[in-house]
Amino acid sequence: MKLNKIHHIAIICSNYERSKEFYVHTLGLTIVKETFRAERNSYKLDLAVGNEYQIELFSFPNPAERPSYPEARGLRHLAFEVDDLDSAVSELEEKGIEVEPIRIDEITEKRFTFFADPDGLPLELYEK
């Protein structure tokens, strides 16, 4: 088997409109397609991340909460690459998003930090 790249990342949110606002207006992702699936009473929002990746944002009635932060089994966090970490952090903070202190990756010596989406999903900014 030859895996070429990651095709998409799926996220289930608790409040569709709040999460849509966060991912589109706070993070600046582009809407590719929005679909309401009546049989599931669920939205699926396809969001472009740059030119290569896509996030699928799902809403479902009464989804279970994340068991812990961030060390639960399963997806640990989602990381976005940025050119200028200081600028990205400032932009998030100006929008009222709490951001952890910037740290240095001891292996790559690159700078990174964490913040959370409206449901507490850990998101990382990793400097290029």
Foldseek 3Di string as FASTA:
>chain_A
DDDDDDAEAEDEDADVVQLCCCVCPLVPWAWPDWDQDVVQRKIWTWTDDPPGYIYIYMYGHPDDADPDQQPDPDDRAAEDEDADPVVSVVSNVVVVWDKDDWDADPVPRWIKTWTAGPRRGIYMYTYD
